[in-house]
């Protein structure tokens, strides 16, 4: 049988038709393909709340033991309240960060009035800084207005440690508060020893006191102390705060006579028995909740406490007796009887 020759043209034509039909539904792509991307949704940024801050401002030259005590007091309060804590020797407007909540400052004045005005959201507590008055967001530690309690306790303590209860007091002249303190001092002596009959007869009674006029030159204060020590044979002297200047108590410290005061000496002289003054630690602890709650402009009254104690002059056992009397005085269980 004779085969017909294949028509190549027809074959190519058929193949072309088939290929065209197969690709009819495919899109025609020209140029470089562009890949599609799945959109990424970024999380909305949220600000982390600032942990509130408390700053304690202490002088650089404060003695280490006292500085450590105040730092521990405020640190413990901040930890219990969830606050950050910093200690500074100075405070400037640049330190008033947004998270600052409480500032407790000791002398010298870091400029509390201006700082408080610049940061009304911050509560400031001024500790013994002169010239600062309470108001707005400034609170202050009240002055020692408990002179009758301090006087009574000084009289009790002086009688407790002095031979024959020979005690004296130096006060400013024509000062009604000092007279009340003197009366309380005498009553404190009597509270300890009743009639306090001396073993050796002396032609005068105790306590003896000496008044110093307001215009008296402070360089002559030593001579007034000499009257008590040399003429009246006083063994312990209570120094009213207006009289307690370093020159005077340093001089008395050279004589062997004991002293009690209400103002801590910068350097405790010989013969300094103790200081009766507001307990700053308890004051800070008592006012802390109010500062934290944003309640300012108050005067903080603190209980009295004992400091600068010389255990060689006031033994631990006698300290307990004195502390018990102080507790009873502040609880109202003992009346100072100081009204003139």
C-alpha atoms as a PDB file:
ATOM      1  CA  UNK A   1       0.000   0.000   0.000  1.00  0.00           C
ATOM      2  CA  UNK A   2       1.363   3.325  -0.843  1.00  0.00           C
ATOM      3  CA  UNK A   3       1.460   5.961   1.993  1.00  0.00           C
ATOM      4  CA  UNK A   4       0.643   9.539   1.419  1.00  0.00           C
ATOM      5  CA  UNK A   5       3.266  12.095   2.329  1.00  0.00           C
ATOM      6  CA  UNK A   6       2.601  13.943   5.649  1.00  0.00           C
ATOM      7  CA  UNK A   7       1.524  17.511   5.256  1.00  0.00           C
ATOM      8  CA  UNK A   8       3.806  19.234   7.771  1.00  0.00           C
ATOM      9  CA  UNK A   9       2.013  22.530   7.464  1.00  0.00           C
ATOM     10  CA  UNK A  10      -1.221  20.983   8.520  1.00  0.00           C
ATOM     11  CA  UNK A  11       0.410  19.297  11.504  1.00  0.00           C
ATOM     12  CA  UNK A  12       1.968  22.554  12.754  1.00  0.00           C
ATOM     13  CA  UNK A  13      -1.325  24.349  12.343  1.00  0.00           C
ATOM     14  CA  UNK A  14      -3.182  21.756  14.431  1.00  0.00           C
ATOM     15  CA  UNK A  15      -0.555  21.868  17.211  1.00  0.00           C
ATOM     16  CA  UNK A  16      -0.764  25.636  17.345  1.00  0.00           C
ATOM     17  CA  UNK A  17      -4.540  25.507  17.717  1.00  0.00           C
ATOM     18  CA  UNK A  18      -4.282  22.951  20.552  1.00  0.00           C
ATOM     19  CA  UNK A  19      -1.669  24.949  22.476  1.00  0.00           C
ATOM     20  CA  UNK A  20      -3.662  28.147  22.113  1.00  0.00           C
ATOM     21  CA  UNK A  21      -6.772  26.470  23.460  1.00  0.00           C
ATOM     22  CA  UNK A  22      -4.929  25.061  26.508  1.00  0.00           C
ATOM     23  CA  UNK A  23      -3.564  28.458  27.577  1.00  0.00           C
ATOM     24  CA  UNK A  24      -6.636  30.492  26.919  1.00  0.00           C
ATOM     25  CA  UNK A  25      -7.548  30.793  30.649  1.00  0.00           C
ATOM     26  CA  UNK A  26      -4.020  31.750  31.893  1.00  0.00           C
ATOM     27  CA  UNK A  27      -3.345  35.437  32.545  1.00  0.00           C
ATOM     28  CA  UNK A  28      -0.737  37.048  30.448  1.00  0.00           C
ATOM     29  CA  UNK A  29       2.137  38.236  32.617  1.00  0.00           C
ATOM     30  CA  UNK A  30       4.394  40.915  31.364  1.00  0.00           C
ATOM     31  CA  UNK A  31       7.473  42.317  33.130  1.00  0.00           C
ATOM     32  CA  UNK A  32       8.681  41.253  36.655  1.00  0.00           C
ATOM     33  CA  UNK A  33       5.998  39.665  38.904  1.00  0.00           C
ATOM     34  CA  UNK A  34       5.138  41.699  42.099  1.00  0.00           C
ATOM     35  CA  UNK A  35       4.735  39.470  45.159  1.00  0.00           C
ATOM     36  CA  UNK A  36       1.785  40.143  47.431  1.00  0.00           C
ATOM     37  CA  UNK A  37       2.450  40.791  51.202  1.00  0.00           C
ATOM     38  CA  UNK A  38       0.325  40.005  54.225  1.00  0.00           C
ATOM     39  CA  UNK A  39      -0.114  43.261  56.213  1.00  0.00           C
ATOM     40  CA  UNK A  40       1.553  43.246  59.705  1.00  0.00           C
ATOM     41  CA  UNK A  41      -0.495  44.855  62.492  1.00  0.00           C
ATOM     42  CA  UNK A  42       1.854  46.444  65.038  1.00  0.00           C
ATOM     43  CA  UNK A  43       0.801  46.515  68.713  1.00  0.00           C
ATOM     44  CA  UNK A  44      -0.369  49.867  70.052  1.00  0.00           C
ATOM     45  CA  UNK A  45       2.376  51.265  72.326  1.00  0.00           C
ATOM     46  CA  UNK A  46       1.348  51.691  75.989  1.00  0.00           C
ATOM     47  CA  UNK A  47       3.273  53.812  78.487  1.00  0.00           C
ATOM     48  CA  UNK A  48       4.623  52.105  81.617  1.00  0.00           C
ATOM     49  CA  UNK A  49       3.322  53.839  84.760  1.00  0.00           C
ATOM     50  CA  UNK A  50       6.058  55.700  86.662  1.00  0.00           C
ATOM     51  CA  UNK A  51       6.692  54.295  90.123  1.00  0.00           C
ATOM     52  CA  UNK A  52       6.239  57.193  92.598  1.00  0.00           C
ATOM     53  CA  UNK A  53       9.394  58.551  94.199  1.00  0.00           C
ATOM     54  CA  UNK A  54      10.247  59.856  97.686  1.00  0.00           C
ATOM     55  CA  UNK A  55      13.393  61.916  98.281  1.00  0.00           C
ATOM     56  CA  UNK A  56      15.104  62.449 101.627  1.00  0.00           C
ATOM     57  CA  UNK A  57      17.337  65.530 101.748  1.00  0.00           C
ATOM     58  CA  UNK A  58      20.045  65.301 104.423  1.00  0.00           C
ATOM     59  CA  UNK A  59      23.063  67.546 105.034  1.00  0.00           C
ATOM     60  CA  UNK A  60      26.341  66.002 103.940  1.00  0.00           C
ATOM     61  CA  UNK A  61      27.914  66.648 107.340  1.00  0.00           C
ATOM     62  CA  UNK A  62      25.216  64.956 109.444  1.00  0.00           C
ATOM     63  CA  UNK A  63      26.739  62.360 111.751  1.00  0.00           C
ATOM     64  CA  UNK A  64      26.648  58.861 110.296  1.00  0.00           C
ATOM     65  CA  UNK A  65      24.503  57.219 112.980  1.00  0.00           C
ATOM     66  CA  UNK A  66      21.760  59.861 112.764  1.00  0.00           C
ATOM     67  CA  UNK A  67      21.856  59.896 108.966  1.00  0.00           C
ATOM     68  CA  UNK A  68      21.543  56.121 108.846  1.00  0.00           C
ATOM     69  CA  UNK A  69      18.581  56.222 111.226  1.00  0.00           C
ATOM     70  CA  UNK A  70      16.655  58.734 109.114  1.00  0.00           C
ATOM     71  CA  UNK A  71      17.500  56.917 105.898  1.00  0.00           C
ATOM     72  CA  UNK A  72      16.297  53.591 107.281  1.00  0.00           C
ATOM     73  CA  UNK A  73      13.106  55.195 108.588  1.00  0.00           C
ATOM     74  CA  UNK A  74      12.115  56.679 105.233  1.00  0.00           C
ATOM     75  CA  UNK A  75      13.371  53.658 103.282  1.00  0.00           C
ATOM     76  CA  UNK A  76      11.146  51.323 105.316  1.00  0.00           C
ATOM     77  CA  UNK A  77       8.148  53.593 104.748  1.00  0.00           C
ATOM     78  CA  UNK A  78       8.725  53.755 100.989  1.00  0.00           C
ATOM     79  CA  UNK A  79       9.165  50.000 100.684  1.00  0.00           C
ATOM     80  CA  UNK A  80       5.928  49.374 102.535  1.00  0.00           C
ATOM     81  CA  UNK A  81       4.156  51.886 100.266  1.00  0.00           C
ATOM     82  CA  UNK A  82       5.635  50.727  96.937  1.00  0.00           C
ATOM     83  CA  UNK A  83       7.646  53.897  96.295  1.00  0.00           C
ATOM     84  CA  UNK A  84      11.156  54.415  95.004  1.00  0.00           C
ATOM     85  CA  UNK A  85      13.588  56.025  97.425  1.00  0.00           C
ATOM     86  CA  UNK A  86      16.497  58.412  96.941  1.00  0.00           C
ATOM     87  CA  UNK A  87      18.779  60.311  99.314  1.00  0.00           C
ATOM     88  CA  UNK A  88      20.181  63.691  98.266  1.00  0.00           C
ATOM     89  CA  UNK A  89      22.305  66.362  99.910  1.00  0.00           C
ATOM     90  CA  UNK A  90      20.693  69.080  97.791  1.00  0.00           C
ATOM     91  CA  UNK A  91      17.529  69.455  95.745  1.00  0.00           C
ATOM     92  CA  UNK A  92      17.131  71.547  92.597  1.00  0.00           C
ATOM     93  CA  UNK A  93      14.223  72.201  90.208  1.00  0.00           C
ATOM     94  CA  UNK A  94      15.734  69.717  87.755  1.00  0.00           C
ATOM     95  CA  UNK A  95      15.202  66.975  90.364  1.00  0.00           C
ATOM     96  CA  UNK A  96      11.422  67.490  90.363  1.00  0.00           C
ATOM     97  CA  UNK A  97      10.628  64.593  88.057  1.00  0.00           C
ATOM     98  CA  UNK A  98       7.003  63.716  87.191  1.00  0.00           C
ATOM     99  CA  UNK A  99       6.967  60.686  89.511  1.00  0.00           C
ATOM    100  CA  UNK A 100       8.104  62.633  92.565  1.00  0.00           C
ATOM    101  CA  UNK A 101       5.522  62.386  95.348  1.00  0.00           C
ATOM    102  CA  UNK A 102       7.152  63.184  98.716  1.00  0.00           C
ATOM    103  CA  UNK A 103      10.177  65.242  99.809  1.00  0.00           C
ATOM    104  CA  UNK A 104      11.426  65.217 103.411  1.00  0.00           C
ATOM    105  CA  UNK A 105      14.117  67.838 103.998  1.00  0.00           C
ATOM    106  CA  UNK A 106      16.466  68.702 106.855  1.00  0.00           C
ATOM    107  CA  UNK A 107      18.498  71.923 107.232  1.00  0.00           C
ATOM    108  CA  UNK A 108      19.993  73.709 105.457  1.00  0.00           C
ATOM    109  CA  UNK A 109      16.951  74.832 103.496  1.00  0.00           C
ATOM    110  CA  UNK A 110      17.181  73.515  99.905  1.00  0.00           C
ATOM    111  CA  UNK A 111      14.715  76.224  98.846  1.00  0.00           C
ATOM    112  CA  UNK A 112      11.507  74.487  99.864  1.00  0.00           C
ATOM    113  CA  UNK A 113       9.205  77.441  99.228  1.00  0.00           C
ATOM    114  CA  UNK A 114      10.268  77.798  95.590  1.00  0.00           C
ATOM    115  CA  UNK A 115      10.413  74.049  94.982  1.00  0.00           C
ATOM    116  CA  UNK A 116       6.952  73.516  96.450  1.00  0.00           C
ATOM    117  CA  UNK A 117       5.529  76.255  94.239  1.00  0.00           C
ATOM    118  CA  UNK A 118       7.126  74.658  91.172  1.00  0.00           C
ATOM    119  CA  UNK A 119       5.789  71.182  92.021  1.00  0.00           C
ATOM    120  CA  UNK A 120       2.316  71.503  93.566  1.00  0.00           C
ATOM    121  CA  UNK A 121       1.746  67.750  93.157  1.00  0.00           C
ATOM    122  CA  UNK A 122       4.606  66.996  95.576  1.00  0.00           C
ATOM    123  CA  UNK A 123       4.210  66.989  99.365  1.00  0.00           C
ATOM    124  CA  UNK A 124       7.118  68.597 101.249  1.00  0.00           C
ATOM    125  CA  UNK A 125       7.913  67.991 104.921  1.00  0.00           C
ATOM    126  CA  UNK A 126      10.290  70.491 106.515  1.00  0.00           C
ATOM    127  CA  UNK A 127      12.203  69.188 109.538  1.00  0.00           C
ATOM    128  CA  UNK A 128      13.537  71.945 111.826  1.00  0.00           C
ATOM    129  CA  UNK A 129      14.194  74.386 108.966  1.00  0.00           C
ATOM    130  CA  UNK A 130      13.776  77.932 110.242  1.00  0.00           C
ATOM    131  CA  UNK A 131      11.566  80.347 108.349  1.00  0.00           C
ATOM    132  CA  UNK A 132       9.330  77.675 106.782  1.00  0.00           C
ATOM    133  CA  UNK A 133       5.630  77.932 107.583  1.00  0.00           C
ATOM    134  CA  UNK A 134       2.971  75.288 106.855  1.00  0.00           C
ATOM    135  CA  UNK A 135       0.589  75.822 103.977  1.00  0.00           C
ATOM    136  CA  UNK A 136      -0.349  74.411 100.594  1.00  0.00           C
ATOM    137  CA  UNK A 137       1.862  71.395  99.954  1.00  0.00           C
ATOM    138  CA  UNK A 138       4.354  72.263 102.711  1.00  0.00           C
ATOM    139  CA  UNK A 139       4.116  70.622 106.139  1.00  0.00           C
ATOM    140  CA  UNK A 140       6.475  71.366 109.015  1.00  0.00           C
ATOM    141  CA  UNK A 141       7.607  69.627 112.154  1.00  0.00           C
ATOM    142  CA  UNK A 142       6.242  71.664 115.026  1.00  0.00           C
ATOM    143  CA  UNK A 143       8.607  73.300 117.461  1.00  0.00           C
ATOM    144  CA  UNK A 144       9.114  71.924 120.927  1.00  0.00           C
ATOM    145  CA  UNK A 145       6.019  73.409 122.550  1.00  0.00           C
ATOM    146  CA  UNK A 146       6.132  70.808 125.328  1.00  0.00           C
ATOM    147  CA  UNK A 147       8.527  72.724 127.559  1.00  0.00           C
ATOM    148  CA  UNK A 148       6.631  71.782 130.727  1.00  0.00           C
ATOM    149  CA  UNK A 149       6.964  68.054 130.029  1.00  0.00           C
ATOM    150  CA  UNK A 150      10.655  68.493 129.166  1.00  0.00           C
ATOM    151  CA  UNK A 151      11.209  70.531 132.343  1.00  0.00           C
ATOM    152  CA  UNK A 152       9.486  67.981 134.583  1.00  0.00           C
ATOM    153  CA  UNK A 153      11.464  65.111 133.049  1.00  0.00           C
ATOM    154  CA  UNK A 154      14.721  67.057 133.371  1.00  0.00           C
ATOM    155  CA  UNK A 155      14.006  67.673 137.074  1.00  0.00           C
ATOM    156  CA  UNK A 156      13.215  64.001 137.668  1.00  0.00           C
ATOM    157  CA  UNK A 157      16.363  62.864 135.854  1.00  0.00           C
ATOM    158  CA  UNK A 158      18.612  65.453 137.480  1.00  0.00           C
ATOM    159  CA  UNK A 159      17.448  64.401 140.957  1.00  0.00           C
ATOM    160  CA  UNK A 160      17.953  60.760 140.004  1.00  0.00           C
ATOM    161  CA  UNK A 161      21.648  61.202 139.163  1.00  0.00           C
ATOM    162  CA  UNK A 162      22.785  64.077 141.415  1.00  0.00           C
ATOM    163  CA  UNK A 163      24.242  63.827 144.899  1.00  0.00           C
ATOM    164  CA  UNK A 164      21.898  65.352 147.491  1.00  0.00           C
ATOM    165  CA  UNK A 165      19.558  66.386 144.656  1.00  0.00           C
ATOM    166  CA  UNK A 166      21.495  69.632 144.175  1.00  0.00           C
ATOM    167  CA  UNK A 167      20.133  70.722 140.834  1.00  0.00           C
ATOM    168  CA  UNK A 168      19.821  74.063 139.058  1.00  0.00           C
ATOM    169  CA  UNK A 169      18.532  75.707 135.939  1.00  0.00           C
ATOM    170  CA  UNK A 170      19.570  78.614 133.719  1.00  0.00           C
ATOM    171  CA  UNK A 171      16.698  80.505 132.089  1.00  0.00           C
ATOM    172  CA  UNK A 172      16.162  83.746 130.139  1.00  0.00           C
ATOM    173  CA  UNK A 173      14.825  86.611 132.239  1.00  0.00           C
ATOM    174  CA  UNK A 174      11.153  87.642 131.966  1.00  0.00           C
ATOM    175  CA  UNK A 175      10.185  84.627 129.870  1.00  0.00           C
ATOM    176  CA  UNK A 176       6.799  83.147 130.958  1.00  0.00           C
ATOM    177  CA  UNK A 177       7.429  79.835 129.189  1.00  0.00           C
ATOM    178  CA  UNK A 178      10.780  79.499 130.943  1.00  0.00           C
ATOM    179  CA  UNK A 179       9.109  80.136 134.331  1.00  0.00           C
ATOM    180  CA  UNK A 180       6.603  77.339 133.642  1.00  0.00           C
ATOM    181  CA  UNK A 181       9.491  75.062 132.658  1.00  0.00           C
ATOM    182  CA  UNK A 182      11.255  75.968 135.929  1.00  0.00           C
ATOM    183  CA  UNK A 183       8.140  75.130 137.962  1.00  0.00           C
ATOM    184  CA  UNK A 184       7.865  71.807 136.152  1.00  0.00           C
ATOM    185  CA  UNK A 185      11.576  71.197 136.792  1.00  0.00           C
ATOM    186  CA  UNK A 186      11.038  71.639 140.542  1.00  0.00           C
ATOM    187  CA  UNK A 187       8.005  69.345 140.460  1.00  0.00           C
ATOM    188  CA  UNK A 188       9.963  66.682 138.596  1.00  0.00           C
ATOM    189  CA  UNK A 189      12.578  66.730 141.351  1.00  0.00           C
ATOM    190  CA  UNK A 190       9.890  66.400 144.006  1.00  0.00           C
ATOM    191  CA  UNK A 191       8.207  63.589 142.070  1.00  0.00           C
ATOM    192  CA  UNK A 192      11.416  61.578 142.322  1.00  0.00           C
ATOM    193  CA  UNK A 193      12.487  62.283 145.885  1.00  0.00           C
ATOM    194  CA  UNK A 194       9.592  63.916 147.744  1.00  0.00           C
ATOM    195  CA  UNK A 195      11.063  66.359 150.252  1.00  0.00           C
ATOM    196  CA  UNK A 196      14.534  65.460 148.925  1.00  0.00           C
ATOM    197  CA  UNK A 197      16.270  65.960 152.254  1.00  0.00           C
ATOM    198  CA  UNK A 198      20.020  66.345 151.567  1.00  0.00           C
ATOM    199  CA  UNK A 199      22.560  64.299 153.462  1.00  0.00           C
ATOM    200  CA  UNK A 200      24.694  67.403 153.988  1.00  0.00           C
ATOM    201  CA  UNK A 201      22.980  70.528 155.274  1.00  0.00           C
ATOM    202  CA  UNK A 202      22.968  73.508 152.905  1.00  0.00           C
ATOM    203  CA  UNK A 203      21.416  76.907 153.769  1.00  0.00           C
ATOM    204  CA  UNK A 204      19.322  77.022 150.580  1.00  0.00           C
ATOM    205  CA  UNK A 205      16.806  74.862 148.798  1.00  0.00           C
ATOM    206  CA  UNK A 206      16.824  73.348 145.358  1.00  0.00           C
ATOM    207  CA  UNK A 207      16.429  73.715 142.515  1.00  0.00           C
ATOM    208  CA  UNK A 208      18.396  76.915 142.331  1.00  0.00           C
ATOM    209  CA  UNK A 209      18.124  78.978 139.163  1.00  0.00           C
ATOM    210  CA  UNK A 210      19.726  81.963 137.525  1.00  0.00           C
ATOM    211  CA  UNK A 211      18.138  84.345 135.015  1.00  0.00           C
ATOM    212  CA  UNK A 212      20.045  85.886 132.118  1.00  0.00           C
ATOM    213  CA  UNK A 213      18.696  89.145 130.619  1.00  0.00           C
ATOM    214  CA  UNK A 214      17.917  89.089 126.912  1.00  0.00           C
ATOM    215  CA  UNK A 215      20.436  91.854 126.179  1.00  0.00           C
ATOM    216  CA  UNK A 216      23.232  90.157 128.096  1.00  0.00           C
ATOM    217  CA  UNK A 217      26.441  89.560 126.152  1.00  0.00           C
ATOM    218  CA  UNK A 218      26.721  85.834 125.491  1.00  0.00           C
ATOM    219  CA  UNK A 219      30.402  85.940 126.377  1.00  0.00           C
ATOM    220  CA  UNK A 220      29.362  86.514 129.995  1.00  0.00           C
ATOM    221  CA  UNK A 221      27.090  83.452 130.232  1.00  0.00           C
ATOM    222  CA  UNK A 222      29.918  81.524 131.927  1.00  0.00           C
ATOM    223  CA  UNK A 223      29.798  83.844 134.921  1.00  0.00           C
ATOM    224  CA  UNK A 224      26.099  83.100 135.449  1.00  0.00           C
ATOM    225  CA  UNK A 225      26.831  79.373 135.399  1.00  0.00           C
ATOM    226  CA  UNK A 226      29.590  79.961 137.937  1.00  0.00           C
ATOM    227  CA  UNK A 227      27.050  81.339 140.416  1.00  0.00           C
ATOM    228  CA  UNK A 228      25.146  78.060 140.325  1.00  0.00           C
ATOM    229  CA  UNK A 229      28.224  75.853 140.402  1.00  0.00           C
ATOM    230  CA  UNK A 230      30.455  77.702 142.858  1.00  0.00           C
ATOM    231  CA  UNK A 231      28.057  79.496 145.155  1.00  0.00           C
ATOM    232  CA  UNK A 232      25.172  77.016 145.267  1.00  0.00           C
ATOM    233  CA  UNK A 233      27.180  73.837 144.670  1.00  0.00           C
ATOM    234  CA  UNK A 234      24.828  72.651 141.933  1.00  0.00           C
ATOM    235  CA  UNK A 235      25.697  69.241 140.504  1.00  0.00           C
ATOM    236  CA  UNK A 236      23.378  69.149 137.459  1.00  0.00           C
ATOM    237  CA  UNK A 237      22.150  72.084 135.363  1.00  0.00           C
ATOM    238  CA  UNK A 238      19.159  72.130 133.041  1.00  0.00           C
ATOM    239  CA  UNK A 239      19.768  74.552 130.159  1.00  0.00           C
ATOM    240  CA  UNK A 240      16.685  76.268 128.772  1.00  0.00           C
ATOM    241  CA  UNK A 241      16.946  76.164 124.946  1.00  0.00           C
ATOM    242  CA  UNK A 242      17.447  79.920 124.490  1.00  0.00           C
ATOM    243  CA  UNK A 243      20.470  79.721 126.803  1.00  0.00           C
ATOM    244  CA  UNK A 244      22.081  76.540 125.480  1.00  0.00           C
ATOM    245  CA  UNK A 245      24.849  77.949 123.323  1.00  0.00           C
ATOM    246  CA  UNK A 246      28.020  75.944 122.536  1.00  0.00           C
ATOM    247  CA  UNK A 247      30.308  78.320 124.421  1.00  0.00           C
ATOM    248  CA  UNK A 248      28.301  77.842 127.617  1.00  0.00           C
ATOM    249  CA  UNK A 249      27.878  74.081 127.623  1.00  0.00           C
ATOM    250  CA  UNK A 250      31.465  73.551 126.531  1.00  0.00           C
ATOM    251  CA  UNK A 251      32.585  75.621 129.502  1.00  0.00           C
ATOM    252  CA  UNK A 252      30.354  73.753 131.949  1.00  0.00           C
ATOM    253  CA  UNK A 253      31.705  70.523 130.483  1.00  0.00           C
ATOM    254  CA  UNK A 254      35.147  71.396 131.829  1.00  0.00           C
ATOM    255  CA  UNK A 255      33.887  71.697 135.410  1.00  0.00           C
ATOM    256  CA  UNK A 256      32.553  68.205 136.050  1.00  0.00           C
ATOM    257  CA  UNK A 257      28.954  69.432 136.399  1.00  0.00           C
ATOM    258  CA  UNK A 258      26.269  67.470 134.510  1.00  0.00           C
ATOM    259  CA  UNK A 259      23.939  69.046 131.927  1.00  0.00           C
ATOM    260  CA  UNK A 260      20.522  68.266 130.431  1.00  0.00           C
ATOM    261  CA  UNK A 261      19.137  70.167 127.450  1.00  0.00           C
ATOM    262  CA  UNK A 262      16.493  70.209 124.754  1.00  0.00           C
ATOM    263  CA  UNK A 263      18.820  71.062 121.848  1.00  0.00           C
ATOM    264  CA  UNK A 264      21.360  68.499 120.639  1.00  0.00           C
ATOM    265  CA  UNK A 265      24.898  69.875 120.812  1.00  0.00           C
ATOM    266  CA  UNK A 266      26.835  69.557 117.576  1.00  0.00           C
ATOM    267  CA  UNK A 267      29.595  67.892 119.562  1.00  0.00           C
ATOM    268  CA  UNK A 268      28.497  66.438 122.879  1.00  0.00           C
ATOM    269  CA  UNK A 269      30.565  67.973 125.691  1.00  0.00           C
ATOM    270  CA  UNK A 270      31.692  66.152 128.806  1.00  0.00           C
ATOM    271  CA  UNK A 271      28.915  65.914 131.373  1.00  0.00           C
ATOM    272  CA  UNK A 272      26.068  65.975 128.824  1.00  0.00           C
ATOM    273  CA  UNK A 273      23.518  63.520 130.258  1.00  0.00           C
ATOM    274  CA  UNK A 274      20.814  63.532 127.575  1.00  0.00           C
ATOM    275  CA  UNK A 275      18.737  65.657 125.234  1.00  0.00           C
ATOM    276  CA  UNK A 276      14.940  65.845 125.512  1.00  0.00           C
ATOM    277  CA  UNK A 277      13.521  66.784 122.133  1.00  0.00           C
ATOM    278  CA  UNK A 278      10.841  65.879 119.599  1.00  0.00           C
ATOM    279  CA  UNK A 279      11.221  62.331 118.300  1.00  0.00           C
ATOM    280  CA  UNK A 280      11.712  63.041 114.598  1.00  0.00           C
ATOM    281  CA  UNK A 281      11.502  59.395 113.581  1.00  0.00           C
ATOM    282  CA  UNK A 282       8.078  59.002 115.184  1.00  0.00           C
ATOM    283  CA  UNK A 283       6.982  62.313 113.679  1.00  0.00           C
ATOM    284  CA  UNK A 284       7.870  61.162 110.159  1.00  0.00           C
ATOM    285  CA  UNK A 285       6.153  57.829 110.692  1.00  0.00           C
ATOM    286  CA  UNK A 286       2.991  59.482 112.013  1.00  0.00           C
ATOM    287  CA  UNK A 287       2.609  61.965 109.156  1.00  0.00           C
ATOM    288  CA  UNK A 288       3.627  59.605 106.333  1.00  0.00           C
ATOM    289  CA  UNK A 289       0.068  58.405 105.483  1.00  0.00           C
ATOM    290  CA  UNK A 290      -1.104  62.000 105.104  1.00  0.00           C
ATOM    291  CA  UNK A 291       1.835  62.930 102.873  1.00  0.00           C
ATOM    292  CA  UNK A 292       1.172  59.864 100.760  1.00  0.00           C
ATOM    293  CA  UNK A 293      -2.502  60.829 100.446  1.00  0.00           C
ATOM    294  CA  UNK A 294      -1.569  64.332  99.253  1.00  0.00           C
ATOM    295  CA  UNK A 295      -2.685  66.039 102.456  1.00  0.00           C
ATOM    296  CA  UNK A 296      -0.271  68.876 103.182  1.00  0.00           C
ATOM    297  CA  UNK A 297      -0.038  72.236 104.843  1.00  0.00           C
ATOM    298  CA  UNK A 298      -0.052  70.803 108.369  1.00  0.00           C
ATOM    299  CA  UNK A 299       2.026  71.226 111.503  1.00  0.00           C
ATOM    300  CA  UNK A 300       3.288  67.852 112.692  1.00  0.00           C
ATOM    301  CA  UNK A 301       3.371  67.466 116.445  1.00  0.00           C
ATOM    302  CA  UNK A 302       5.668  64.717 117.595  1.00  0.00           C
ATOM    303  CA  UNK A 303       6.134  63.041 120.942  1.00  0.00           C
ATOM    304  CA  UNK A 304       9.240  63.856 122.920  1.00  0.00           C
ATOM    305  CA  UNK A 305      12.093  61.385 122.930  1.00  0.00           C
ATOM    306  CA  UNK A 306      15.510  60.932 124.502  1.00  0.00           C
ATOM    307  CA  UNK A 307      18.738  61.273 122.542  1.00  0.00           C
ATOM    308  CA  UNK A 308      22.457  61.972 123.062  1.00  0.00           C
ATOM    309  CA  UNK A 309      22.370  59.759 126.153  1.00  0.00           C
ATOM    310  CA  UNK A 310      25.641  59.158 127.952  1.00  0.00           C
ATOM    311  CA  UNK A 311      25.253  55.665 129.463  1.00  0.00           C
ATOM    312  CA  UNK A 312      28.093  56.338 131.879  1.00  0.00           C
ATOM    313  CA  UNK A 313      25.960  59.079 133.459  1.00  0.00           C
ATOM    314  CA  UNK A 314      22.515  57.577 132.898  1.00  0.00           C
ATOM    315  CA  UNK A 315      22.730  53.799 133.120  1.00  0.00           C
ATOM    316  CA  UNK A 316      20.361  51.553 131.121  1.00  0.00           C
ATOM    317  CA  UNK A 317      18.334  50.858 134.265  1.00  0.00           C
ATOM    318  CA  UNK A 318      17.926  54.561 134.991  1.00  0.00           C
ATOM    319  CA  UNK A 319      17.108  55.161 131.331  1.00  0.00           C
ATOM    320  CA  UNK A 320      14.162  52.790 131.670  1.00  0.00           C
ATOM    321  CA  UNK A 321      12.901  54.732 134.681  1.00  0.00           C
ATOM    322  CA  UNK A 322      13.220  58.043 132.836  1.00  0.00           C
ATOM    323  CA  UNK A 323      11.516  56.641 129.732  1.00  0.00           C
ATOM    324  CA  UNK A 324       8.619  55.352 131.826  1.00  0.00           C
ATOM    325  CA  UNK A 325       8.118  58.781 133.380  1.00  0.00           C
ATOM    326  CA  UNK A 326       8.221  60.363 129.916  1.00  0.00           C
ATOM    327  CA  UNK A 327       5.624  57.889 128.650  1.00  0.00           C
ATOM    328  CA  UNK A 328       3.371  58.636 131.628  1.00  0.00           C
ATOM    329  CA  UNK A 329       3.760  62.386 131.127  1.00  0.00           C
ATOM    330  CA  UNK A 330       2.794  62.181 127.478  1.00  0.00           C
ATOM    331  CA  UNK A 331      -0.119  59.875 128.228  1.00  0.00           C
ATOM    332  CA  UNK A 332      -1.448  62.373 130.795  1.00  0.00           C
ATOM    333  CA  UNK A 333      -0.905  60.036 133.751  1.00  0.00           C
ATOM    334  CA  UNK A 334       1.434  62.570 135.402  1.00  0.00           C
ATOM    335  CA  UNK A 335       0.549  66.240 135.768  1.00  0.00           C
ATOM    336  CA  UNK A 336       3.521  68.613 135.535  1.00  0.00           C
ATOM    337  CA  UNK A 337       1.809  71.095 137.863  1.00  0.00           C
ATOM    338  CA  UNK A 338       3.689  73.868 136.076  1.00  0.00           C
ATOM    339  CA  UNK A 339       1.102  76.659 136.230  1.00  0.00           C
ATOM    340  CA  UNK A 340       2.687  79.513 138.253  1.00  0.00           C
END
